[in-house]
Amino acid sequence: MKLLDKNVDSIIFDLDGTLWDATIACAMAWNKSFEQCGYENNKIDRKLIKKLSGSPLDIVLTQYFTFIDGKDYDKIIESYRKNEPIFMKKIGGRLFPNEKDTLKILSTHKKLFIVSNCLKGYIENFLFKKKLSTIFTGYKSSEGTGLTKSENIRQVIDEYKLKSPIVCRGYKMGL
């Protein structure tokens, strides 16, 4: 199926690994949170961020951050909620080559959306930082809605009455 296929009415993008690479800022935010919560001897890198990207926070904590005591989960998450926007605003991420131009062209043919398992404000920061707000018709984040990524995709489809959307995902496809 081609993206400009007339049967495709919209494209729903995942954010991390699909539209941008913010692994450095994410790793720095997690590492700062670990440090603030007494886990300063534990550091993560971009490679691990790519692996866990798109996973819900409970999965991230139980499957990837096994060094954290369960009683500290809330403290770590609260710290990360404060640190992530700081590092995203300061460092952000980088768009993939030719992406801005490609998105502009696509938006003249299809409705574009973003759905991500991210914290509230993350998508908004991406749109602001990369000056892309006018290109996307809508977006949903898991923390913003309280729903999973797949439930948010379904909600976008229903809300905007999409007939034939395609979903684009990044890191999990090996990008």
C-alpha atoms as a PDB file:
ATOM      1  CA  MET A   1       0.000   0.000   0.000  1.00  0.00           C
ATOM      2  CA  LYS A   2       1.335   3.405  -0.916  1.00  0.00           C
ATOM      3  CA  LEU A   3       0.969   6.390   1.430  1.00  0.00           C
ATOM      4  CA  LEU A   4      -0.649   8.463  -1.308  1.00  0.00           C
ATOM      5  CA  ASP A   5      -3.077   5.651  -2.194  1.00  0.00           C
ATOM      6  CA  LYS A   6      -6.545   7.194  -2.640  1.00  0.00           C
ATOM      7  CA  ASN A   7      -8.058   4.538  -0.366  1.00  0.00           C
ATOM      8  CA  VAL A   8      -5.948   5.703   2.583  1.00  0.00           C
ATOM      9  CA  ASP A   9      -7.640   8.701   4.202  1.00  0.00           C
ATOM     10  CA  SER A  10      -5.241   9.301   7.092  1.00  0.00           C
ATOM     11  CA  ILE A  11      -1.954   8.410   8.736  1.00  0.00           C
ATOM     12  CA  ILE A  12      -1.623   7.849  12.482  1.00  0.00           C
ATOM     13  CA  PHE A  13       1.976   8.195  13.634  1.00  0.00           C
ATOM     14  CA  ASP A  14       3.623   6.942  16.765  1.00  0.00           C
ATOM     15  CA  LEU A  15       6.011   9.639  17.954  1.00  0.00           C
ATOM     16  CA  ASP A  16       9.279   8.225  19.280  1.00  0.00           C
ATOM     17  CA  GLY A  17      11.294   6.467  16.622  1.00  0.00           C
ATOM     18  CA  THR A  18       8.793   7.409  13.939  1.00  0.00           C
ATOM     19  CA  LEU A  19       8.734  11.191  13.870  1.00  0.00           C
ATOM     20  CA  TRP A  20      11.767  12.029  15.973  1.00  0.00           C
ATOM     21  CA  ASP A  21      14.611  10.601  18.012  1.00  0.00           C
ATOM     22  CA  ALA A  22      14.517  11.980  21.552  1.00  0.00           C
ATOM     23  CA  THR A  23      16.450   9.127  23.124  1.00  0.00           C
ATOM     24  CA  ILE A  24      19.221  11.353  24.525  1.00  0.00           C
ATOM     25  CA  ALA A  25      16.788  13.670  26.334  1.00  0.00           C
ATOM     26  CA  CYS A  26      14.719  10.713  27.610  1.00  0.00           C
ATOM     27  CA  ALA A  27      17.791   8.900  28.939  1.00  0.00           C
ATOM     28  CA  MET A  28      18.983  12.081  30.666  1.00  0.00           C
ATOM     29  CA  ALA A  29      15.550  12.578  32.274  1.00  0.00           C
ATOM     30  CA  TRP A  30      15.440   8.979  33.542  1.00  0.00           C
ATOM     31  CA  ASN A  31      19.025   9.139  34.823  1.00  0.00           C
ATOM     32  CA  LYS A  32      18.291  12.395  36.675  1.00  0.00           C
ATOM     33  CA  SER A  33      15.203  10.779  38.195  1.00  0.00           C
ATOM     34  CA  PHE A  34      17.203   7.740  39.306  1.00  0.00           C
ATOM     35  CA  GLU A  35      19.762  10.036  40.918  1.00  0.00           C
ATOM     36  CA  GLN A  36      17.075  12.058  42.712  1.00  0.00           C
ATOM     37  CA  CYS A  37      15.454   8.893  44.061  1.00  0.00           C
ATOM     38  CA  GLY A  38      18.603   7.207  45.371  1.00  0.00           C
ATOM     39  CA  TYR A  39      19.430   5.040  42.360  1.00  0.00           C
ATOM     40  CA  GLU A  40      22.392   7.091  41.157  1.00  0.00           C
ATOM     41  CA  ASN A  41      24.459   3.969  40.442  1.00  0.00           C
ATOM     42  CA  ASN A  42      21.998   2.955  37.739  1.00  0.00           C
ATOM     43  CA  LYS A  43      22.238   4.621  34.338  1.00  0.00           C
ATOM     44  CA  ILE A  44      20.473   3.917  31.083  1.00  0.00           C
ATOM     45  CA  ASP A  45      21.457   4.831  27.546  1.00  0.00           C
ATOM     46  CA  ARG A  46      19.865   5.556  24.167  1.00  0.00           C
ATOM     47  CA  LYS A  47      19.915   1.886  23.229  1.00  0.00           C
ATOM     48  CA  LEU A  48      17.682   0.938  26.161  1.00  0.00           C
ATOM     49  CA  ILE A  49      15.400   3.917  25.507  1.00  0.00           C
ATOM     50  CA  LYS A  50      14.847   2.630  21.957  1.00  0.00           C
ATOM     51  CA  LYS A  51      13.890  -0.779  23.385  1.00  0.00           C
ATOM     52  CA  LEU A  52      11.413   0.527  25.947  1.00  0.00           C
ATOM     53  CA  SER A  53      10.037   3.364  23.825  1.00  0.00           C
ATOM     54  CA  GLY A  54       6.302   3.089  23.346  1.00  0.00           C
ATOM     55  CA  SER A  55       5.838   0.822  26.364  1.00  0.00           C
ATOM     56  CA  PRO A  56       3.470   1.830  29.160  1.00  0.00           C
ATOM     57  CA  LEU A  57       5.161   3.035  32.371  1.00  0.00           C
ATOM     58  CA  ASP A  58       4.204  -0.065  34.374  1.00  0.00           C
ATOM     59  CA  ILE A  59       5.977  -2.265  31.803  1.00  0.00           C
ATOM     60  CA  VAL A  60       9.008   0.057  31.742  1.00  0.00           C
ATOM     61  CA  LEU A  61       9.348  -0.184  35.518  1.00  0.00           C
ATOM     62  CA  THR A  62       8.763  -3.920  35.919  1.00  0.00           C
ATOM     63  CA  GLN A  63      10.566  -5.221  32.832  1.00  0.00           C
ATOM     64  CA  TYR A  64      13.340  -2.723  32.108  1.00  0.00           C
ATOM     65  CA  PHE A  65      14.094  -1.049  35.447  1.00  0.00           C
ATOM     66  CA  THR A  66      14.257  -4.176  37.590  1.00  0.00           C
ATOM     67  CA  PHE A  67      16.807  -2.488  39.879  1.00  0.00           C
ATOM     68  CA  ILE A  68      14.065  -0.236  41.297  1.00  0.00           C
ATOM     69  CA  ASP A  69      12.292  -1.408  44.436  1.00  0.00           C
ATOM     70  CA  GLY A  70       8.515  -1.600  43.857  1.00  0.00           C
ATOM     71  CA  LYS A  71       7.883   0.764  46.768  1.00  0.00           C
ATOM     72  CA  ASP A  72       9.801   3.474  44.861  1.00  0.00           C
ATOM     73  CA  TYR A  73       7.820   3.260  41.604  1.00  0.00           C
ATOM     74  CA  ASP A  74       5.579   6.237  42.380  1.00  0.00           C
ATOM     75  CA  LYS A  75       8.539   8.337  43.485  1.00  0.00           C
ATOM     76  CA  ILE A  76      10.495   7.525  40.286  1.00  0.00           C
ATOM     77  CA  ILE A  77       7.495   8.256  38.057  1.00  0.00           C
ATOM     78  CA  GLU A  78       6.795  11.557  39.829  1.00  0.00           C
ATOM     79  CA  SER A  79      10.431  12.572  39.427  1.00  0.00           C
ATOM     80  CA  TYR A  80      10.400  11.587  35.758  1.00  0.00           C
ATOM     81  CA  ARG A  81       7.190  13.584  35.185  1.00  0.00           C
ATOM     82  CA  LYS A  82       9.078  16.659  36.400  1.00  0.00           C
ATOM     83  CA  ASN A  83      12.375  15.929  34.619  1.00  0.00           C
ATOM     84  CA  GLU A  84      11.122  14.867  31.195  1.00  0.00           C
ATOM     85  CA  PRO A  85       9.639  18.282  30.226  1.00  0.00           C
ATOM     86  CA  ILE A  86      12.831  20.017  31.387  1.00  0.00           C
ATOM     87  CA  PHE A  87      15.071  17.869  29.181  1.00  0.00           C
ATOM     88  CA  MET A  88      12.599  17.887  26.275  1.00  0.00           C
ATOM     89  CA  LYS A  89      12.424  21.682  26.297  1.00  0.00           C
ATOM     90  CA  LYS A  90      16.189  22.027  26.705  1.00  0.00           C
ATOM     91  CA  ILE A  91      17.368  19.264  24.336  1.00  0.00           C
ATOM     92  CA  GLY A  92      14.306  17.789  22.629  1.00  0.00           C
ATOM     93  CA  GLY A  93      14.913  15.376  19.823  1.00  0.00           C
ATOM     94  CA  ARG A  94      15.885  15.438  16.211  1.00  0.00           C
ATOM     95  CA  LEU A  95      13.626  14.929  13.255  1.00  0.00           C
ATOM     96  CA  PHE A  96      14.591  12.260  10.784  1.00  0.00           C
ATOM     97  CA  PRO A  97      16.064  13.440   7.434  1.00  0.00           C
ATOM     98  CA  ASN A  98      13.635  15.343   5.171  1.00  0.00           C
ATOM     99  CA  GLU A  99      10.831  14.679   7.613  1.00  0.00           C
ATOM    100  CA  LYS A 100       9.387  18.172   7.923  1.00  0.00           C
ATOM    101  CA  ASP A 101       9.057  18.544   4.149  1.00  0.00           C
ATOM    102  CA  THR A 102       7.635  15.032   3.813  1.00  0.00           C
ATOM    103  CA  LEU A 103       5.027  15.691   6.513  1.00  0.00           C
ATOM    104  CA  LYS A 104       4.020  18.954   4.852  1.00  0.00           C
ATOM    105  CA  ILE A 105       3.481  17.152   1.548  1.00  0.00           C
ATOM    106  CA  LEU A 106       1.589  14.291   3.203  1.00  0.00           C
ATOM    107  CA  SER A 107      -0.656  16.727   5.087  1.00  0.00           C
ATOM    108  CA  THR A 108      -1.895  18.161   1.793  1.00  0.00           C
ATOM    109  CA  HIS A 109      -3.177  14.693   0.824  1.00  0.00           C
ATOM    110  CA  LYS A 110      -4.065  12.984   4.111  1.00  0.00           C
ATOM    111  CA  LYS A 111      -5.140  13.817   7.651  1.00  0.00           C
ATOM    112  CA  LEU A 112      -2.191  13.276   9.991  1.00  0.00           C
ATOM    113  CA  PHE A 113      -2.406  12.272  13.665  1.00  0.00           C
ATOM    114  CA  ILE A 114      -0.060  11.367  16.522  1.00  0.00           C
ATOM    115  CA  VAL A 115      -0.833   8.701  19.132  1.00  0.00           C
ATOM    116  CA  SER A 116       1.763   7.863  21.773  1.00  0.00           C
ATOM    117  CA  ASN A 117       2.193   6.150  25.147  1.00  0.00           C
ATOM    118  CA  CYS A 118       3.783   9.333  26.451  1.00  0.00           C
ATOM    119  CA  LEU A 119       3.260  11.735  29.306  1.00  0.00           C
ATOM    120  CA  LYS A 120       0.835  14.619  28.918  1.00  0.00           C
ATOM    121  CA  GLY A 121       2.606  17.564  27.302  1.00  0.00           C
ATOM    122  CA  TYR A 122       5.166  15.463  25.402  1.00  0.00           C
ATOM    123  CA  ILE A 123       3.360  15.615  22.048  1.00  0.00           C
ATOM    124  CA  GLU A 124       2.589  19.301  22.545  1.00  0.00           C
ATOM    125  CA  ASN A 125       6.282  19.974  23.201  1.00  0.00           C
ATOM    126  CA  PHE A 126       7.224  18.069  20.033  1.00  0.00           C
ATOM    127  CA  LEU A 127       4.734  20.047  17.930  1.00  0.00           C
ATOM    128  CA  PHE A 128       5.884  23.371  19.386  1.00  0.00           C
ATOM    129  CA  LYS A 129       9.615  22.661  19.278  1.00  0.00           C
ATOM    130  CA  LYS A 130       9.531  21.424  15.676  1.00  0.00           C
ATOM    131  CA  LYS A 131       6.888  23.955  14.524  1.00  0.00           C
ATOM    132  CA  LEU A 132       4.560  21.232  13.240  1.00  0.00           C
ATOM    133  CA  SER A 133       1.230  22.064  14.949  1.00  0.00           C
ATOM    134  CA  THR A 134      -0.496  23.109  11.734  1.00  0.00           C
ATOM    135  CA  ILE A 135       0.391  19.855   9.975  1.00  0.00           C
ATOM    136  CA  PHE A 136      -1.409  17.478  12.359  1.00  0.00           C
ATOM    137  CA  THR A 137      -5.192  17.228  12.614  1.00  0.00           C
ATOM    138  CA  GLY A 138      -5.075  15.788  16.140  1.00  0.00           C
ATOM    139  CA  TYR A 139      -3.184  13.788  18.729  1.00  0.00           C
ATOM    140  CA  LYS A 140      -3.671  11.679  21.835  1.00  0.00           C
ATOM    141  CA  SER A 141      -1.277  10.664  24.612  1.00  0.00           C
ATOM    142  CA  SER A 142      -1.846   7.805  27.034  1.00  0.00           C
ATOM    143  CA  GLU A 143      -1.419   9.990  30.081  1.00  0.00           C
ATOM    144  CA  GLY A 144      -3.670  12.653  28.566  1.00  0.00           C
ATOM    145  CA  THR A 145      -6.556  10.240  28.005  1.00  0.00           C
ATOM    146  CA  GLY A 146      -5.806   7.432  30.467  1.00  0.00           C
ATOM    147  CA  LEU A 147      -6.093   4.965  27.592  1.00  0.00           C
ATOM    148  CA  THR A 148      -3.620   2.579  25.984  1.00  0.00           C
ATOM    149  CA  LYS A 149      -2.075   3.398  22.625  1.00  0.00           C
ATOM    150  CA  SER A 150      -4.370   0.966  20.805  1.00  0.00           C
ATOM    151  CA  GLU A 151      -7.440   2.433  22.568  1.00  0.00           C
ATOM    152  CA  ASN A 152      -6.285   5.936  21.601  1.00  0.00           C
ATOM    153  CA  ILE A 153      -5.856   4.828  17.982  1.00  0.00           C
ATOM    154  CA  ARG A 154      -9.424   3.493  18.047  1.00  0.00           C
ATOM    155  CA  GLN A 155     -10.614   6.777  19.609  1.00  0.00           C
ATOM    156  CA  VAL A 156      -8.920   8.854  16.867  1.00  0.00           C
ATOM    157  CA  ILE A 157     -10.489   6.649  14.197  1.00  0.00           C
ATOM    158  CA  ASP A 158     -13.947   7.020  15.766  1.00  0.00           C
ATOM    159  CA  GLU A 159     -13.671  10.714  16.677  1.00  0.00           C
ATOM    160  CA  TYR A 160     -12.502  11.798  13.236  1.00  0.00           C
ATOM    161  CA  LYS A 161     -14.617   9.200  11.393  1.00  0.00           C
ATOM    162  CA  LEU A 162     -11.603   7.773   9.581  1.00  0.00           C
ATOM    163  CA  LYS A 163     -12.444   5.132   6.987  1.00  0.00           C
ATOM    164  CA  SER A 164      -9.062   3.775   5.961  1.00  0.00           C
ATOM    165  CA  PRO A 165      -6.174   4.930   8.191  1.00  0.00           C
ATOM    166  CA  ILE A 166      -2.713   3.439   8.348  1.00  0.00           C
ATOM    167  CA  VAL A 167      -0.534   3.399  11.466  1.00  0.00           C
ATOM    168  CA  CYS A 168       3.214   4.133  11.296  1.00  0.00           C
ATOM    169  CA  ARG A 169       5.504   2.957  14.112  1.00  0.00           C
ATOM    170  CA  GLY A 170       9.253   3.313  14.429  1.00  0.00           C
ATOM    171  CA  TYR A 171      11.706   1.747  16.893  1.00  0.00           C
ATOM    172  CA  LYS A 172       9.706  -1.425  17.272  1.00  0.00           C
ATOM    173  CA  MET A 173      10.110  -1.979  13.539  1.00  0.00           C
ATOM    174  CA  GLY A 174      13.862  -1.720  13.846  1.00  0.00           C
ATOM    175  CA  LEU A 175      14.290   1.868  12.700  1.00  0.00           C
END
